[in-house]
Amino acid sequence: MTDTELTPVEVAREFNVHPSTVRRWEAAGILKPTRRLPGSKHRRYSRAAVNALKATLEQGAVAHAVA
């Protein structure tokens, strides 16, 4: 894993939410993983995607979807 890839737990910590919330965001198409590790369900999210979601949330554009 590189510094630009985050696990669901790391993303959850940044947003102060439970990791299952991150999975719900993925299911809703709000946050997409950059990759899944072969042969497993492990996901990785790019730093750029996380930062973009933060910026969107700050603008209130998807607040209804993540509430």
PDB file of N, CA and C in Angstrom:
ATOM      1  N   MET A   1       0.844  -1.177   0.000  1.00  0.00           N
ATOM      2  CA  MET A   1       0.000   0.000   0.000  1.00  0.00           C
ATOM      3  C   MET A   1       0.890   1.242   0.000  1.00  0.00           C
ATOM      4  N   THR A   2       0.461   2.245  -0.745  1.00  0.00           N
ATOM      5  CA  THR A   2       1.235   3.474  -0.805  1.00  0.00           C
ATOM      6  C   THR A   2       0.598   4.526   0.088  1.00  0.00           C
ATOM      7  N   ASP A   3       1.285   5.657   0.240  1.00  0.00           N
ATOM      8  CA  ASP A   3       0.758   6.744   1.049  1.00  0.00           C
ATOM      9  C   ASP A   3      -0.484   7.371   0.428  1.00  0.00           C
ATOM     10  N   THR A   4      -0.688   7.161  -0.865  1.00  0.00           N
ATOM     11  CA  THR A   4      -1.839   7.758  -1.531  1.00  0.00           C
ATOM     12  C   THR A   4      -3.044   6.828  -1.536  1.00  0.00           C
ATOM     13  N   GLU A   5      -2.924   5.657  -0.953  1.00  0.00           N
ATOM     14  CA  GLU A   5      -4.042   4.725  -0.851  1.00  0.00           C
ATOM     15  C   GLU A   5      -4.407   4.524   0.610  1.00  0.00           C
ATOM     16  N   LEU A   6      -5.706   4.589   0.885  1.00  0.00           N
ATOM     17  CA  LEU A   6      -6.185   4.469   2.256  1.00  0.00           C
ATOM     18  C   LEU A   6      -7.131   3.284   2.387  1.00  0.00           C
ATOM     19  N   THR A   7      -7.114   2.659   3.532  1.00  0.00           N
ATOM     20  CA  THR A   7      -8.051   1.580   3.822  1.00  0.00           C
ATOM     21  C   THR A   7      -9.383   2.193   4.248  1.00  0.00           C
ATOM     22  N   PRO A   8     -10.458   1.400   4.264  1.00  0.00           N
ATOM     23  CA  PRO A   8     -11.734   1.932   4.751  1.00  0.00           C
ATOM     24  C   PRO A   8     -11.648   2.463   6.188  1.00  0.00           C
ATOM     25  N   VAL A   9     -10.879   1.818   7.020  1.00  0.00           N
ATOM     26  CA  VAL A   9     -10.725   2.280   8.407  1.00  0.00           C
ATOM     27  C   VAL A   9     -10.032   3.643   8.450  1.00  0.00           C
ATOM     28  N   GLU A  10      -9.008   3.824   7.635  1.00  0.00           N
ATOM     29  CA  GLU A  10      -8.306   5.109   7.598  1.00  0.00           C
ATOM     30  C   GLU A  10      -9.224   6.221   7.086  1.00  0.00           C
ATOM     31  N   VAL A  11     -10.025   5.908   6.066  1.00  0.00           N
ATOM     32  CA  VAL A  11     -10.978   6.892   5.543  1.00  0.00           C
ATOM     33  C   VAL A  11     -11.997   7.236   6.631  1.00  0.00           C
ATOM     34  N   ALA A  12     -12.509   6.217   7.315  1.00  0.00           N
ATOM     35  CA  ALA A  12     -13.493   6.438   8.380  1.00  0.00           C
ATOM     36  C   ALA A  12     -12.936   7.340   9.472  1.00  0.00           C
ATOM     37  N   ARG A  13     -11.690   7.142   9.837  1.00  0.00           N
ATOM     38  CA  ARG A  13     -11.070   7.992  10.866  1.00  0.00           C
ATOM     39  C   ARG A  13     -11.004   9.446  10.422  1.00  0.00           C
ATOM     40  N   GLU A  14     -10.714   9.663   9.152  1.00  0.00           N
ATOM     41  CA  GLU A  14     -10.618  11.033   8.650  1.00  0.00           C
ATOM     42  C   GLU A  14     -11.961  11.757   8.689  1.00  0.00           C
ATOM     43  N   PHE A  15     -13.039  11.007   8.481  1.00  0.00           N
ATOM     44  CA  PHE A  15     -14.375  11.604   8.478  1.00  0.00           C
ATOM     45  C   PHE A  15     -15.089  11.449   9.817  1.00  0.00           C
ATOM     46  N   ASN A  16     -14.431  10.771  10.756  1.00  0.00           N
ATOM     47  CA  ASN A  16     -15.011  10.523  12.078  1.00  0.00           C
ATOM     48  C   ASN A  16     -16.345   9.766  11.955  1.00  0.00           C
ATOM     49  N   VAL A  17     -16.328   8.706  11.154  1.00  0.00           N
ATOM     50  CA  VAL A  17     -17.495   7.843  10.968  1.00  0.00           C
ATOM     51  C   VAL A  17     -17.067   6.389  11.145  1.00  0.00           C
ATOM     52  N   HIS A  18     -18.024   5.502  11.192  1.00  0.00           N
ATOM     53  CA  HIS A  18     -17.745   4.066  11.299  1.00  0.00           C
ATOM     54  C   HIS A  18     -17.336   3.530   9.918  1.00  0.00           C
ATOM     55  N   PRO A  19     -16.461   2.536   9.860  1.00  0.00           N
ATOM     56  CA  PRO A  19     -16.070   1.963   8.561  1.00  0.00           C
ATOM     57  C   PRO A  19     -17.246   1.481   7.716  1.00  0.00           C
ATOM     58  N   SER A  20     -18.332   1.053   8.347  1.00  0.00           N
ATOM     59  CA  SER A  20     -19.494   0.623   7.561  1.00  0.00           C
ATOM     60  C   SER A  20     -20.107   1.797   6.799  1.00  0.00           C
ATOM     61  N   THR A  21     -19.934   2.994   7.312  1.00  0.00           N
ATOM     62  CA  THR A  21     -20.406   4.185   6.598  1.00  0.00           C
ATOM     63  C   THR A  21     -19.630   4.351   5.294  1.00  0.00           C
ATOM     64  N   VAL A  22     -18.344   4.091   5.333  1.00  0.00           N
ATOM     65  CA  VAL A  22     -17.516   4.182   4.128  1.00  0.00           C
ATOM     66  C   VAL A  22     -18.005   3.163   3.099  1.00  0.00           C
ATOM     67  N   ARG A  23     -18.351   1.976   3.547  1.00  0.00           N
ATOM     68  CA  ARG A  23     -18.878   0.956   2.626  1.00  0.00           C
ATOM     69  C   ARG A  23     -20.232   1.392   2.043  1.00  0.00           C
ATOM     70  N   ARG A  24     -21.057   2.045   2.855  1.00  0.00           N
ATOM     71  CA  ARG A  24     -22.333   2.557   2.335  1.00  0.00           C
ATOM     72  C   ARG A  24     -22.092   3.646   1.299  1.00  0.00           C
ATOM     73  N   TRP A  25     -21.109   4.498   1.544  1.00  0.00           N
ATOM     74  CA  TRP A  25     -20.783   5.535   0.559  1.00  0.00           C
ATOM     75  C   TRP A  25     -20.375   4.885  -0.755  1.00  0.00           C
ATOM     76  N   GLU A  26     -19.610   3.806  -0.658  1.00  0.00           N
ATOM     77  CA  GLU A  26     -19.195   3.094  -1.876  1.00  0.00           C
ATOM     78  C   GLU A  26     -20.414   2.516  -2.596  1.00  0.00           C
ATOM     79  N   ALA A  27     -21.302   1.876  -1.849  1.00  0.00           N
ATOM     80  CA  ALA A  27     -22.491   1.278  -2.448  1.00  0.00           C
ATOM     81  C   ALA A  27     -23.378   2.332  -3.115  1.00  0.00           C
ATOM     82  N   ALA A  28     -23.376   3.545  -2.554  1.00  0.00           N
ATOM     83  CA  ALA A  28     -24.184   4.637  -3.109  1.00  0.00           C
ATOM     84  C   ALA A  28     -23.476   5.370  -4.247  1.00  0.00           C
ATOM     85  N   GLY A  29     -22.216   5.005  -4.503  1.00  0.00           N
ATOM     86  CA  GLY A  29     -21.458   5.648  -5.577  1.00  0.00           C
ATOM     87  C   GLY A  29     -20.843   6.971  -5.180  1.00  0.00           C
ATOM     88  N   ILE A  30     -20.821   7.255  -3.885  1.00  0.00           N
ATOM     89  CA  ILE A  30     -20.272   8.522  -3.395  1.00  0.00           C
ATOM     90  C   ILE A  30     -18.754   8.471  -3.345  1.00  0.00           C
ATOM     91  N   LEU A  31     -18.206   7.329  -2.979  1.00  0.00           N
ATOM     92  CA  LEU A  31     -16.757   7.147  -2.891  1.00  0.00           C
ATOM     93  C   LEU A  31     -16.423   5.806  -3.539  1.00  0.00           C
ATOM     94  N   LYS A  32     -15.591   5.832  -4.545  1.00  0.00           N
ATOM     95  CA  LYS A  32     -15.246   4.598  -5.255  1.00  0.00           C
ATOM     96  C   LYS A  32     -13.823   4.164  -4.912  1.00  0.00           C
ATOM     97  N   PRO A  33     -13.633   2.877  -4.690  1.00  0.00           N
ATOM     98  CA  PRO A  33     -12.278   2.391  -4.406  1.00  0.00           C
ATOM     99  C   PRO A  33     -11.416   2.463  -5.662  1.00  0.00           C
ATOM    100  N   THR A  34     -10.144   2.723  -5.466  1.00  0.00           N
ATOM    101  CA  THR A  34      -9.228   2.733  -6.601  1.00  0.00           C
ATOM    102  C   THR A  34      -8.843   1.315  -6.983  1.00  0.00           C
ATOM    103  N   ARG A  35      -8.905   0.410  -6.006  1.00  0.00           N
ATOM    104  CA  ARG A  35      -8.618  -0.990  -6.311  1.00  0.00           C
ATOM    105  C   ARG A  35      -9.111  -1.870  -5.187  1.00  0.00           C
ATOM    106  N   ARG A  36      -9.258  -3.117  -5.530  1.00  0.00           N
ATOM    107  CA  ARG A  36      -9.539  -4.162  -4.550  1.00  0.00           C
ATOM    108  C   ARG A  36      -8.377  -5.137  -4.642  1.00  0.00           C
ATOM    109  N   LEU A  37      -7.931  -5.608  -3.520  1.00  0.00           N
ATOM    110  CA  LEU A  37      -6.808  -6.533  -3.525  1.00  0.00           C
ATOM    111  C   LEU A  37      -7.254  -7.872  -4.107  1.00  0.00           C
ATOM    112  N   PRO A  38      -6.435  -8.464  -4.961  1.00  0.00           N
ATOM    113  CA  PRO A  38      -6.799  -9.722  -5.626  1.00  0.00           C
ATOM    114  C   PRO A  38      -7.158 -10.821  -4.626  1.00  0.00           C
ATOM    115  N   GLY A  39      -8.254 -11.506  -4.918  1.00  0.00           N
ATOM    116  CA  GLY A  39      -8.651 -12.640  -4.095  1.00  0.00           C
ATOM    117  C   GLY A  39      -9.243 -12.284  -2.750  1.00  0.00           C
ATOM    118  N   SER A  40      -9.586 -11.014  -2.550  1.00  0.00           N
ATOM    119  CA  SER A  40     -10.154 -10.619  -1.268  1.00  0.00           C
ATOM    120  C   SER A  40     -11.139  -9.475  -1.463  1.00  0.00           C
ATOM    121  N   LYS A  41     -11.756  -9.091  -0.386  1.00  0.00           N
ATOM    122  CA  LYS A  41     -12.694  -7.972  -0.423  1.00  0.00           C
ATOM    123  C   LYS A  41     -12.041  -6.678   0.064  1.00  0.00           C
ATOM    124  N   HIS A  42     -10.749  -6.680   0.276  1.00  0.00           N
ATOM    125  CA  HIS A  42     -10.048  -5.507   0.787  1.00  0.00           C
ATOM    126  C   HIS A  42     -10.039  -4.399  -0.254  1.00  0.00           C
ATOM    127  N   ARG A  43     -10.440  -3.206   0.175  1.00  0.00           N
ATOM    128  CA  ARG A  43     -10.523  -2.058  -0.713  1.00  0.00           C
ATOM    129  C   ARG A  43      -9.450  -1.040  -0.357  1.00  0.00           C
ATOM    130  N   ARG A  44      -9.099  -0.228  -1.333  1.00  0.00           N
ATOM    131  CA  ARG A  44      -8.201   0.896  -1.121  1.00  0.00           C
ATOM    132  C   ARG A  44      -8.804   2.103  -1.830  1.00  0.00           C
ATOM    133  N   TYR A  45      -8.739   3.246  -1.162  1.00  0.00           N
ATOM    134  CA  TYR A  45      -9.282   4.486  -1.712  1.00  0.00           C
ATOM    135  C   TYR A  45      -8.135   5.467  -1.928  1.00  0.00           C
ATOM    136  N   SER A  46      -8.199   6.194  -3.022  1.00  0.00           N
ATOM    137  CA  SER A  46      -7.121   7.145  -3.302  1.00  0.00           C
ATOM    138  C   SER A  46      -7.262   8.379  -2.428  1.00  0.00           C
ATOM    139  N   ARG A  47      -6.131   8.971  -2.102  1.00  0.00           N
ATOM    140  CA  ARG A  47      -6.109  10.206  -1.336  1.00  0.00           C
ATOM    141  C   ARG A  47      -6.884  11.287  -2.102  1.00  0.00           C
ATOM    142  N   ALA A  48      -6.732  11.312  -3.417  1.00  0.00           N
ATOM    143  CA  ALA A  48      -7.420  12.317  -4.234  1.00  0.00           C
ATOM    144  C   ALA A  48      -8.940  12.173  -4.121  1.00  0.00           C
ATOM    145  N   ALA A  49      -9.449  10.942  -4.139  1.00  0.00           N
ATOM    146  CA  ALA A  49     -10.895  10.717  -4.026  1.00  0.00           C
ATOM    147  C   ALA A  49     -11.409  11.136  -2.653  1.00  0.00           C
ATOM    148  N   VAL A  50     -10.637  10.854  -1.619  1.00  0.00           N
ATOM    149  CA  VAL A  50     -11.027  11.236  -0.261  1.00  0.00           C
ATOM    150  C   VAL A  50     -11.039  12.756  -0.134  1.00  0.00           C
ATOM    151  N   ASN A  51     -10.010  13.414  -0.658  1.00  0.00           N
ATOM    152  CA  ASN A  51      -9.966  14.873  -0.599  1.00  0.00           C
ATOM    153  C   ASN A  51     -11.104  15.505  -1.386  1.00  0.00           C
ATOM    154  N   ALA A  52     -11.453  14.903  -2.523  1.00  0.00           N
ATOM    155  CA  ALA A  52     -12.562  15.413  -3.332  1.00  0.00           C
ATOM    156  C   ALA A  52     -13.880  15.273  -2.572  1.00  0.00           C
ATOM    157  N   LEU A  53     -14.070  14.159  -1.877  1.00  0.00           N
ATOM    158  CA  LEU A  53     -15.284  13.982  -1.095  1.00  0.00           C
ATOM    159  C   LEU A  53     -15.342  14.994   0.043  1.00  0.00           C
ATOM    160  N   LYS A  54     -14.212  15.248   0.683  1.00  0.00           N
ATOM    161  CA  LYS A  54     -14.173  16.256   1.747  1.00  0.00           C
ATOM    162  C   LYS A  54     -14.605  17.617   1.213  1.00  0.00           C
ATOM    163  N   ALA A  55     -14.081  17.990   0.065  1.00  0.00           N
ATOM    164  CA  ALA A  55     -14.419  19.284  -0.531  1.00  0.00           C
ATOM    165  C   ALA A  55     -15.908  19.340  -0.870  1.00  0.00           C
ATOM    166  N   THR A  56     -16.444  18.251  -1.385  1.00  0.00           N
ATOM    167  CA  THR A  56     -17.865  18.198  -1.726  1.00  0.00           C
ATOM    168  C   THR A  56     -18.730  18.320  -0.476  1.00  0.00           C
ATOM    169  N   LEU A  57     -18.329  17.622   0.587  1.00  0.00           N
ATOM    170  CA  LEU A  57     -19.086  17.688   1.829  1.00  0.00           C
ATOM    171  C   LEU A  57     -19.059  19.090   2.427  1.00  0.00           C
ATOM    172  N   GLU A  58     -17.916  19.751   2.302  1.00  0.00           N
ATOM    173  CA  GLU A  58     -17.801  21.107   2.816  1.00  0.00           C
ATOM    174  C   GLU A  58     -18.759  22.039   2.087  1.00  0.00           C
ATOM    175  N   GLN A  59     -19.040  21.753   0.841  1.00  0.00           N
ATOM    176  CA  GLN A  59     -19.971  22.561   0.056  1.00  0.00           C
ATOM    177  C   GLN A  59     -21.414  22.156   0.311  1.00  0.00           C
ATOM    178  N   GLY A  60     -21.615  21.012   0.983  1.00  0.00           N
ATOM    179  CA  GLY A  60     -22.955  20.539   1.307  1.00  0.00           C
ATOM    180  C   GLY A  60     -23.665  19.845   0.157  1.00  0.00           C
ATOM    181  N   ALA A  61     -22.930  19.498  -0.894  1.00  0.00           N
ATOM    182  CA  ALA A  61     -23.550  18.942  -2.096  1.00  0.00           C
ATOM    183  C   ALA A  61     -24.125  17.536  -1.886  1.00  0.00           C
ATOM    184  N   VAL A  62     -23.509  16.719  -1.039  1.00  0.00           N
ATOM    185  CA  VAL A  62     -24.017  15.362  -0.843  1.00  0.00           C
ATOM    186  C   VAL A  62     -24.346  15.092   0.619  1.00  0.00           C
ATOM    187  N   ALA A  63     -24.609  16.126   1.370  1.00  0.00           N
ATOM    188  CA  ALA A  63     -24.879  15.952   2.793  1.00  0.00           C
ATOM    189  C   ALA A  63     -26.077  15.036   3.023  1.00  0.00           C
ATOM    190  N   HIS A  64     -27.087  15.115   2.164  1.00  0.00           N
ATOM    191  CA  HIS A  64     -28.259  14.255   2.319  1.00  0.00           C
ATOM    192  C   HIS A  64     -27.926  12.790   2.084  1.00  0.00           C
ATOM    193  N   ALA A  65     -26.960  12.510   1.242  1.00  0.00           N
ATOM    194  CA  ALA A  65     -26.616  11.129   0.914  1.00  0.00           C
ATOM    195  C   ALA A  65     -25.768  10.470   1.980  1.00  0.00           C
ATOM    196  N   VAL A  66     -25.008  11.248   2.739  1.00  0.00           N
ATOM    197  CA  VAL A  66     -24.127  10.648   3.741  1.00  0.00           C
ATOM    198  C   VAL A  66     -24.698  10.732   5.142  1.00  0.00           C
ATOM    199  N   ALA A  67     -25.813  11.375   5.286  1.00  0.00           N
ATOM    200  CA  ALA A  67     -26.415  11.519   6.621  1.00  0.00           C
ATOM    201  C   ALA A  67     -27.021  10.219   7.098  1.00  0.00           C
TER     202      ALA A  67
END
